[in-house]
Amino acid sequence: MKTKLTRRADFLTQMNAMIPCEKILIKLSSHYPKASPPLEVMLRIDFLQNGFNDADRQFSGISIEVIPDETKMLHFRHF
């Protein structure tokens, strides 16, 4: 059975295609310590919070168990 693509899902797919996360992660990985949650999750959440003041779990690729707290996001943003 085929499901209808929602506007939100379509937008997140386009956003995922437009943002060169892999290239950005290569540059950041040598400077940012390995921590939990992973650097890619922090980067995606930062994009969402800066652009939309939102943290959509589908785009960021996280489960509810690894959502970073406000302090971790603040340190990442200052980095």
N, C-alpha and C. Protein backbone atom coordinates (compact mmCIF):
# COMPACT_ATOMS: atom_id res chain seq x y z
N MET A 1 0.83 -1.17 0.00
CA MET A 1 0.00 0.00 0.00
C MET A 1 0.88 1.25 0.00
N LYS A 2 0.58 2.17 -0.85
CA LYS A 2 1.39 3.38 -0.99
C LYS A 2 0.85 4.47 -0.06
N THR A 3 1.77 5.12 0.67
CA THR A 3 1.34 6.21 1.55
C THR A 3 1.60 7.54 0.87
N LYS A 4 0.77 8.51 1.20
CA LYS A 4 0.90 9.84 0.62
C LYS A 4 2.06 10.58 1.29
N LEU A 5 2.88 11.23 0.49
CA LEU A 5 4.02 12.00 0.99
C LEU A 5 3.49 13.33 1.53
N THR A 6 3.69 13.57 2.80
CA THR A 6 3.21 14.81 3.41
C THR A 6 4.12 15.97 3.02
N ARG A 7 3.61 17.17 3.20
CA ARG A 7 4.43 18.35 2.91
C ARG A 7 5.67 18.39 3.80
N ARG A 8 5.48 18.00 5.05
CA ARG A 8 6.60 17.99 5.99
C ARG A 8 7.68 17.00 5.56
N ALA A 9 7.26 15.79 5.20
CA ALA A 9 8.21 14.77 4.77
C ALA A 9 8.91 15.21 3.48
N ASP A 10 8.17 15.83 2.57
CA ASP A 10 8.76 16.33 1.33
C ASP A 10 9.79 17.43 1.62
N PHE A 11 9.43 18.34 2.51
CA PHE A 11 10.35 19.41 2.87
C PHE A 11 11.63 18.86 3.51
N LEU A 12 11.49 17.90 4.43
CA LEU A 12 12.66 17.33 5.10
C LEU A 12 13.55 16.57 4.12
N THR A 13 12.93 15.92 3.15
CA THR A 13 13.71 15.23 2.11
C THR A 13 14.51 16.23 1.29
N GLN A 14 13.88 17.35 0.93
CA GLN A 14 14.59 18.39 0.17
C GLN A 14 15.70 19.01 1.00
N MET A 15 15.42 19.28 2.26
CA MET A 15 16.43 19.86 3.15
C MET A 15 17.62 18.91 3.31
N ASN A 16 17.33 17.64 3.44
CA ASN A 16 18.38 16.64 3.58
C ASN A 16 19.25 16.58 2.33
N ALA A 17 18.65 16.77 1.17
CA ALA A 17 19.39 16.74 -0.09
C ALA A 17 20.23 18.01 -0.29
N MET A 18 19.76 19.13 0.24
CA MET A 18 20.44 20.42 0.01
C MET A 18 21.62 20.66 0.95
N ILE A 19 21.56 20.14 2.14
CA ILE A 19 22.61 20.42 3.13
C ILE A 19 23.73 19.39 2.98
N PRO A 20 24.94 19.84 2.72
CA PRO A 20 26.06 18.91 2.55
C PRO A 20 26.64 18.46 3.89
N CYS A 21 25.84 17.69 4.64
CA CYS A 21 26.25 17.28 5.99
C CYS A 21 27.58 16.54 5.99
N GLU A 22 27.81 15.66 5.03
CA GLU A 22 29.04 14.88 5.02
C GLU A 22 30.27 15.78 4.94
N LYS A 23 30.22 16.78 4.08
CA LYS A 23 31.36 17.69 3.93
C LYS A 23 31.58 18.52 5.20
N ILE A 24 30.50 18.97 5.80
CA ILE A 24 30.59 19.75 7.03
C ILE A 24 31.13 18.88 8.16
N LEU A 25 30.66 17.64 8.23
CA LEU A 25 31.11 16.74 9.28
C LEU A 25 32.60 16.44 9.18
N ILE A 26 33.11 16.33 7.97
CA ILE A 26 34.55 16.08 7.79
C ILE A 26 35.35 17.23 8.38
N LYS A 27 34.90 18.46 8.14
CA LYS A 27 35.61 19.63 8.68
C LYS A 27 35.48 19.73 10.19
N LEU A 28 34.30 19.42 10.72
CA LEU A 28 34.07 19.54 12.16
C LEU A 28 34.69 18.41 12.97
N SER A 29 34.77 17.22 12.41
CA SER A 29 35.16 16.04 13.18
C SER A 29 36.55 16.14 13.80
N SER A 30 37.45 16.85 13.16
CA SER A 30 38.79 16.95 13.73
C SER A 30 38.86 17.96 14.88
N HIS A 31 37.84 18.79 15.02
CA HIS A 31 37.84 19.82 16.06
C HIS A 31 36.88 19.54 17.20
N TYR A 32 35.83 18.78 16.93
CA TYR A 32 34.80 18.54 17.94
C TYR A 32 35.02 17.17 18.56
N PRO A 33 35.06 17.08 19.87
CA PRO A 33 35.32 15.78 20.52
C PRO A 33 34.19 14.79 20.27
N LYS A 34 34.57 13.52 20.22
CA LYS A 34 33.56 12.48 20.06
C LYS A 34 32.77 12.40 21.35
N ALA A 35 31.47 12.54 21.21
CA ALA A 35 30.62 12.55 22.39
C ALA A 35 29.26 11.96 22.04
N SER A 36 28.45 11.87 23.03
CA SER A 36 27.09 11.44 22.82
C SER A 36 26.20 12.65 23.05
N PRO A 37 25.32 12.98 22.18
CA PRO A 37 24.99 12.34 20.91
C PRO A 37 26.05 12.61 19.85
N PRO A 38 26.00 11.85 18.77
CA PRO A 38 26.99 12.00 17.70
C PRO A 38 26.98 13.40 17.07
N LEU A 39 28.09 13.74 16.48
CA LEU A 39 28.27 15.05 15.86
C LEU A 39 27.22 15.32 14.78
N GLU A 40 26.87 14.32 13.99
CA GLU A 40 25.87 14.52 12.93
C GLU A 40 24.52 14.92 13.52
N VAL A 41 24.13 14.30 14.61
CA VAL A 41 22.87 14.65 15.26
C VAL A 41 22.91 16.10 15.74
N MET A 42 24.02 16.50 16.36
CA MET A 42 24.15 17.87 16.85
C MET A 42 24.06 18.87 15.70
N LEU A 43 24.71 18.56 14.58
CA LEU A 43 24.69 19.44 13.42
C LEU A 43 23.27 19.59 12.86
N ARG A 44 22.57 18.49 12.70
CA ARG A 44 21.21 18.53 12.15
C ARG A 44 20.26 19.27 13.09
N ILE A 45 20.37 19.06 14.38
CA ILE A 45 19.52 19.78 15.33
C ILE A 45 19.83 21.27 15.27
N ASP A 46 21.10 21.61 15.16
CA ASP A 46 21.47 23.02 15.08
C ASP A 46 20.86 23.68 13.85
N PHE A 47 20.90 23.00 12.70
CA PHE A 47 20.26 23.54 11.49
C PHE A 47 18.77 23.78 11.73
N LEU A 48 18.12 22.81 12.32
CA LEU A 48 16.68 22.95 12.57
C LEU A 48 16.38 24.07 13.55
N GLN A 49 17.13 24.15 14.62
CA GLN A 49 16.85 25.18 15.61
C GLN A 49 17.13 26.57 15.07
N ASN A 50 18.19 26.73 14.31
CA ASN A 50 18.51 28.04 13.76
C ASN A 50 17.53 28.46 12.68
N GLY A 51 17.14 27.52 11.84
CA GLY A 51 16.27 27.88 10.73
C GLY A 51 14.80 27.88 11.06
N PHE A 52 14.40 27.01 11.96
CA PHE A 52 12.97 26.82 12.16
C PHE A 52 12.55 26.80 13.62
N ASN A 53 13.51 26.96 14.51
CA ASN A 53 13.23 26.88 15.95
C ASN A 53 12.46 25.60 16.26
N ASP A 54 12.92 24.52 15.67
CA ASP A 54 12.25 23.24 15.79
C ASP A 54 13.32 22.15 15.86
N ALA A 55 12.97 21.01 16.38
CA ALA A 55 13.89 19.89 16.40
C ALA A 55 13.14 18.65 15.92
N ASP A 56 13.02 18.50 14.64
CA ASP A 56 12.28 17.39 14.06
C ASP A 56 13.14 16.14 14.11
N ARG A 57 12.64 15.12 14.79
CA ARG A 57 13.41 13.89 14.97
C ARG A 57 13.64 13.14 13.67
N GLN A 58 12.72 13.27 12.70
CA GLN A 58 12.88 12.56 11.43
C GLN A 58 14.11 13.08 10.68
N PHE A 59 14.29 14.39 10.62
CA PHE A 59 15.44 14.96 9.92
C PHE A 59 16.72 14.72 10.69
N SER A 60 16.68 14.91 11.99
CA SER A 60 17.91 14.81 12.78
C SER A 60 18.37 13.38 12.95
N GLY A 61 17.50 12.42 12.73
CA GLY A 61 17.90 11.02 12.79
C GLY A 61 18.17 10.53 14.20
N ILE A 62 17.40 11.00 15.16
CA ILE A 62 17.63 10.58 16.54
C ILE A 62 16.41 9.89 17.11
N SER A 63 16.66 9.13 18.14
CA SER A 63 15.56 8.54 18.89
C SER A 63 15.40 9.35 20.16
N ILE A 64 14.33 9.16 20.82
CA ILE A 64 14.02 9.94 22.01
C ILE A 64 15.07 9.73 23.12
N GLU A 65 15.78 8.61 23.10
CA GLU A 65 16.75 8.30 24.15
C GLU A 65 18.02 9.13 24.04
N VAL A 66 18.35 9.66 22.87
CA VAL A 66 19.63 10.36 22.72
C VAL A 66 19.47 11.84 22.41
N ILE A 67 18.35 12.43 22.75
CA ILE A 67 18.16 13.86 22.51
C ILE A 67 19.12 14.64 23.41
N PRO A 68 19.95 15.50 22.84
CA PRO A 68 20.89 16.26 23.66
C PRO A 68 20.16 17.31 24.48
N ASP A 69 20.69 17.56 25.66
CA ASP A 69 20.07 18.58 26.49
C ASP A 69 20.49 19.97 26.03
N GLU A 70 19.90 20.97 26.63
CA GLU A 70 20.14 22.36 26.22
C GLU A 70 21.61 22.76 26.37
N THR A 71 22.27 22.27 27.41
CA THR A 71 23.68 22.61 27.65
C THR A 71 24.57 22.07 26.54
N LYS A 72 24.34 20.82 26.12
CA LYS A 72 25.14 20.24 25.04
C LYS A 72 24.95 21.03 23.75
N MET A 73 23.71 21.42 23.45
CA MET A 73 23.46 22.20 22.24
C MET A 73 24.12 23.58 22.34
N LEU A 74 24.11 24.18 23.51
CA LEU A 74 24.74 25.48 23.71
C LEU A 74 26.26 25.38 23.48
N HIS A 75 26.89 24.35 24.05
CA HIS A 75 28.33 24.16 23.84
C HIS A 75 28.65 23.93 22.37
N PHE A 76 27.81 23.13 21.70
CA PHE A 76 28.03 22.89 20.26
C PHE A 76 27.90 24.18 19.48
N ARG A 77 26.89 24.98 19.79
CA ARG A 77 26.67 26.23 19.07
C ARG A 77 27.84 27.19 19.29
N HIS A 78 28.36 27.26 20.50
CA HIS A 78 29.51 28.13 20.77
C HIS A 78 30.76 27.64 20.05
N PHE A 79 30.90 26.30 19.94
CA PHE A 79 32.04 25.73 19.20
C PHE A 79 32.01 26.22 17.76
